[in-house]
Structure formats: structure tokens, C-alpha cells
Amino acid sequence: MALKRAIVLMFFCAIIPLSAIQQSPSPGAQAAGSQASMANSAENAQIRQMASARGDEMQALREDLKKMRALVRQMETNLAFVDSTQTPLKHQFQLEIDMWRTLIDQMERRTQGNSR
């Protein structure tokens, strides 16, 4: 009987410290959690910064497109003052205006696609 008590007592003495060790977080686990938290917050800050920069880029692109549209309108106005007969030079100017319109339209489609 004394032997059984001694075994049971030894068993409980061994289990109590083990359960205390398992319940308290180790310093290594706390450090790993802290590092993961810092990495996550740094990543979130970087994402916010990239979104802000992208917004600034999109706004600058829209402003550039407005300027380009105004310049194409000026080119068209100037072309109207060129001789009324169809010359190779007048045709070349018309082709350039068409090319610029195509490029501007393409850029506007990209800005609309990126803003969604």
C-alpha cells in the first residue's frame, strides 16, 4: 500500500510541473508571435503606401490625358486652317491626329480598368 501511495505521489509530482510548463507560453513563442505581428503590420503599411501611390499615379495620368486631349483639339483646329485641298502634308497631319486619338482612348480604357 505504501508503494502504491509513493507511485501515485510521484506521478502527481511529475504531472503538475509538466502541466505548468505547457500552460505558460515560452519566451521563444512570444518572440515569434511578436515578430509575426510586426511583419504583418509592416506589410499592411506597405500595402497602404502602394495604394496611395497608385492613386496619385492614376490622378496624374488623368491630368495628362486631359492635356493630351486639349493638344489634339489644337492640332485639329490648326489643320482646319491648312489649305482646303488634300495634300500629302495635310493627310499626314490627319493621320497623326488619328494616332494620338487612338493612343489617348487606349490610355483612358486602362485608367477606367485600373480604377475598378
C-alpha atoms as a PDB file:
ATOM      1  CA  MET A   1       0.000   0.000   0.000  1.00  0.00           C
ATOM      2  CA  ALA A   2       2.795   2.385   0.827  1.00  0.00           C
ATOM      3  CA  LEU A   3       4.356   1.548  -2.509  1.00  0.00           C
ATOM      4  CA  LYS A   4       1.140   2.475  -4.348  1.00  0.00           C
ATOM      5  CA  ARG A   5       0.962   5.793  -2.481  1.00  0.00           C
ATOM      6  CA  ALA A   6       4.548   6.533  -3.318  1.00  0.00           C
ATOM      7  CA  ILE A   7       3.937   5.777  -7.028  1.00  0.00           C
ATOM      8  CA  VAL A   8       0.767   7.905  -7.124  1.00  0.00           C
ATOM      9  CA  LEU A   9       2.537  10.729  -5.295  1.00  0.00           C
ATOM     10  CA  MET A  10       5.484  10.568  -7.726  1.00  0.00           C
ATOM     11  CA  PHE A  11       3.061  10.525 -10.643  1.00  0.00           C
ATOM     12  CA  PHE A  12       1.304  13.697  -9.450  1.00  0.00           C
ATOM     13  CA  CYS A  13       4.599  15.401  -8.667  1.00  0.00           C
ATOM     14  CA  ALA A  14       5.706  14.766 -12.234  1.00  0.00           C
ATOM     15  CA  ILE A  15       2.427  15.852 -13.866  1.00  0.00           C
ATOM     16  CA  ILE A  16       1.966  19.167 -12.027  1.00  0.00           C
ATOM     17  CA  PRO A  17       5.243  20.759 -13.239  1.00  0.00           C
ATOM     18  CA  LEU A  18       4.644  19.450 -16.772  1.00  0.00           C
ATOM     19  CA  SER A  19       1.172  20.968 -16.930  1.00  0.00           C
ATOM     20  CA  ALA A  20       2.531  24.306 -15.662  1.00  0.00           C
ATOM     21  CA  ILE A  21       5.196  24.286 -18.374  1.00  0.00           C
ATOM     22  CA  GLN A  22       2.635  23.562 -21.078  1.00  0.00           C
ATOM     23  CA  GLN A  23       0.283  26.338 -19.943  1.00  0.00           C
ATOM     24  CA  SER A  24       2.817  29.158 -19.788  1.00  0.00           C
ATOM     25  CA  PRO A  25       3.931  30.396 -23.208  1.00  0.00           C
ATOM     26  CA  SER A  26       7.590  30.060 -23.829  1.00  0.00           C
ATOM     27  CA  PRO A  27       9.710  33.167 -24.487  1.00  0.00           C
ATOM     28  CA  GLY A  28      10.521  31.798 -27.929  1.00  0.00           C
ATOM     29  CA  ALA A  29       6.836  31.524 -28.830  1.00  0.00           C
ATOM     30  CA  GLN A  30       6.201  35.045 -27.566  1.00  0.00           C
ATOM     31  CA  ALA A  31       9.107  36.381 -29.640  1.00  0.00           C
ATOM     32  CA  ALA A  32       7.899  34.537 -32.743  1.00  0.00           C
ATOM     33  CA  GLY A  33       4.388  35.918 -32.238  1.00  0.00           C
ATOM     34  CA  SER A  34       5.762  39.393 -31.769  1.00  0.00           C
ATOM     35  CA  GLN A  35       7.872  39.124 -34.926  1.00  0.00           C
ATOM     36  CA  ALA A  36       4.887  37.847 -36.907  1.00  0.00           C
ATOM     37  CA  SER A  37       2.775  40.729 -35.627  1.00  0.00           C
ATOM     38  CA  MET A  38       5.458  43.261 -36.590  1.00  0.00           C
ATOM     39  CA  ALA A  39       5.844  41.715 -40.039  1.00  0.00           C
ATOM     40  CA  ASN A  40       2.079  41.778 -40.555  1.00  0.00           C
ATOM     41  CA  SER A  41       1.790  45.442 -39.565  1.00  0.00           C
ATOM     42  CA  ALA A  42       4.748  46.354 -41.797  1.00  0.00           C
ATOM     43  CA  GLU A  43       3.132  44.537 -44.712  1.00  0.00           C
ATOM     44  CA  ASN A  44      -0.160  46.344 -44.114  1.00  0.00           C
ATOM     45  CA  ALA A  45       1.633  49.697 -44.045  1.00  0.00           C
ATOM     46  CA  GLN A  46       3.390  48.868 -47.303  1.00  0.00           C
ATOM     47  CA  ILE A  47       0.073  47.928 -48.945  1.00  0.00           C
ATOM     48  CA  ARG A  48      -1.487  51.216 -47.828  1.00  0.00           C
ATOM     49  CA  GLN A  49       1.511  53.138 -49.168  1.00  0.00           C
ATOM     50  CA  MET A  50       1.321  51.343 -52.527  1.00  0.00           C
ATOM     51  CA  ALA A  51      -2.419  52.046 -52.800  1.00  0.00           C
ATOM     52  CA  SER A  52      -1.815  55.708 -52.071  1.00  0.00           C
ATOM     53  CA  ALA A  53       0.987  55.914 -54.635  1.00  0.00           C
ATOM     54  CA  ARG A  54      -1.187  54.146 -57.198  1.00  0.00           C
ATOM     55  CA  GLY A  55      -3.977  56.643 -56.568  1.00  0.00           C
ATOM     56  CA  ASP A  56      -1.543  59.514 -57.088  1.00  0.00           C
ATOM     57  CA  GLU A  57      -0.310  57.917 -60.318  1.00  0.00           C
ATOM     58  CA  MET A  58      -3.846  57.471 -61.595  1.00  0.00           C
ATOM     59  CA  GLN A  59      -4.680  61.099 -60.872  1.00  0.00           C
ATOM     60  CA  ALA A  60      -1.542  62.265 -62.683  1.00  0.00           C
ATOM     61  CA  LEU A  61      -2.407  60.043 -65.650  1.00  0.00           C
ATOM     62  CA  ARG A  62      -5.920  61.520 -65.831  1.00  0.00           C
ATOM     63  CA  GLU A  63      -4.464  65.038 -65.830  1.00  0.00           C
ATOM     64  CA  ASP A  64      -2.031  64.074 -68.601  1.00  0.00           C
ATOM     65  CA  LEU A  65      -4.912  62.690 -70.642  1.00  0.00           C
ATOM     66  CA  LYS A  66      -6.805  65.980 -70.304  1.00  0.00           C
ATOM     67  CA  LYS A  67      -3.757  67.867 -71.568  1.00  0.00           C
ATOM     68  CA  MET A  68      -3.319  65.443 -74.442  1.00  0.00           C
ATOM     69  CA  ARG A  69      -6.981  65.851 -75.468  1.00  0.00           C
ATOM     70  CA  ALA A  70      -6.557  69.638 -75.453  1.00  0.00           C
ATOM     71  CA  LEU A  71      -3.437  69.373 -77.637  1.00  0.00           C
ATOM     72  CA  VAL A  72      -5.219  67.127 -80.137  1.00  0.00           C
ATOM     73  CA  ARG A  73      -8.066  69.658 -80.344  1.00  0.00           C
ATOM     74  CA  GLN A  74      -5.489  72.366 -81.088  1.00  0.00           C
ATOM     75  CA  MET A  75      -3.953  70.179 -83.788  1.00  0.00           C
ATOM     76  CA  GLU A  76      -7.396  69.721 -85.356  1.00  0.00           C
ATOM     77  CA  THR A  77      -8.049  73.457 -85.230  1.00  0.00           C
ATOM     78  CA  ASN A  78      -4.710  74.177 -86.894  1.00  0.00           C
ATOM     79  CA  LEU A  79      -5.407  71.558 -89.544  1.00  0.00           C
ATOM     80  CA  ALA A  80      -8.641  73.333 -90.429  1.00  0.00           C
ATOM     81  CA  PHE A  81      -6.603  76.417 -91.407  1.00  0.00           C
ATOM     82  CA  VAL A  82      -4.380  74.459 -93.780  1.00  0.00           C
ATOM     83  CA  ASP A  83      -5.191  74.655 -97.490  1.00  0.00           C
ATOM     84  CA  SER A  84      -8.565  73.119 -98.292  1.00  0.00           C
ATOM     85  CA  THR A  85      -7.126  70.794-100.932  1.00  0.00           C
ATOM     86  CA  GLN A  86      -5.963  67.367 -99.841  1.00  0.00           C
ATOM     87  CA  THR A  87      -2.160  67.451 -99.827  1.00  0.00           C
ATOM     88  CA  PRO A  88       0.199  64.767 -98.551  1.00  0.00           C
ATOM     89  CA  LEU A  89       1.185  67.080 -95.701  1.00  0.00           C
ATOM     90  CA  LYS A  90      -2.442  67.633 -94.665  1.00  0.00           C
ATOM     91  CA  HIS A  91      -3.065  63.895 -94.881  1.00  0.00           C
ATOM     92  CA  GLN A  92      -0.019  63.258 -92.677  1.00  0.00           C
ATOM     93  CA  PHE A  93      -1.335  65.698 -90.066  1.00  0.00           C
ATOM     94  CA  GLN A  94      -4.704  63.944 -90.109  1.00  0.00           C
ATOM     95  CA  LEU A  95      -3.007  60.562 -89.619  1.00  0.00           C
ATOM     96  CA  GLU A  96      -1.056  61.900 -86.658  1.00  0.00           C
ATOM     97  CA  ILE A  97      -4.216  63.270 -85.072  1.00  0.00           C
ATOM     98  CA  ASP A  98      -5.910  59.892 -85.539  1.00  0.00           C
ATOM     99  CA  MET A  99      -2.914  58.136 -83.999  1.00  0.00           C
ATOM    100  CA  TRP A 100      -2.983  60.419 -80.955  1.00  0.00           C
ATOM    101  CA  ARG A 101      -6.726  59.899 -80.511  1.00  0.00           C
ATOM    102  CA  THR A 102      -6.228  56.127 -80.617  1.00  0.00           C
ATOM    103  CA  LEU A 103      -3.456  56.307 -78.027  1.00  0.00           C
ATOM    104  CA  ILE A 104      -5.480  58.560 -75.730  1.00  0.00           C
ATOM    105  CA  ASP A 105      -8.520  56.281 -75.996  1.00  0.00           C
ATOM    106  CA  GLN A 106      -6.364  53.280 -75.110  1.00  0.00           C
ATOM    107  CA  MET A 107      -4.902  55.076 -72.091  1.00  0.00           C
ATOM    108  CA  GLU A 108      -8.381  56.099 -70.901  1.00  0.00           C
ATOM    109  CA  ARG A 109      -9.570  52.483 -71.115  1.00  0.00           C
ATOM    110  CA  ARG A 110      -6.610  51.464 -68.978  1.00  0.00           C
ATOM    111  CA  THR A 111      -7.361  54.088 -66.342  1.00  0.00           C
ATOM    112  CA  GLN A 112     -11.003  53.001 -66.213  1.00  0.00           C
ATOM    113  CA  GLY A 113      -9.974  49.346 -65.930  1.00  0.00           C
ATOM    114  CA  ASN A 114      -7.464  50.074 -63.150  1.00  0.00           C
ATOM    115  CA  SER A 115      -9.824  52.254 -61.155  1.00  0.00           C
ATOM    116  CA  ARG A 116     -12.286  49.361 -60.590  1.00  0.00           C
END
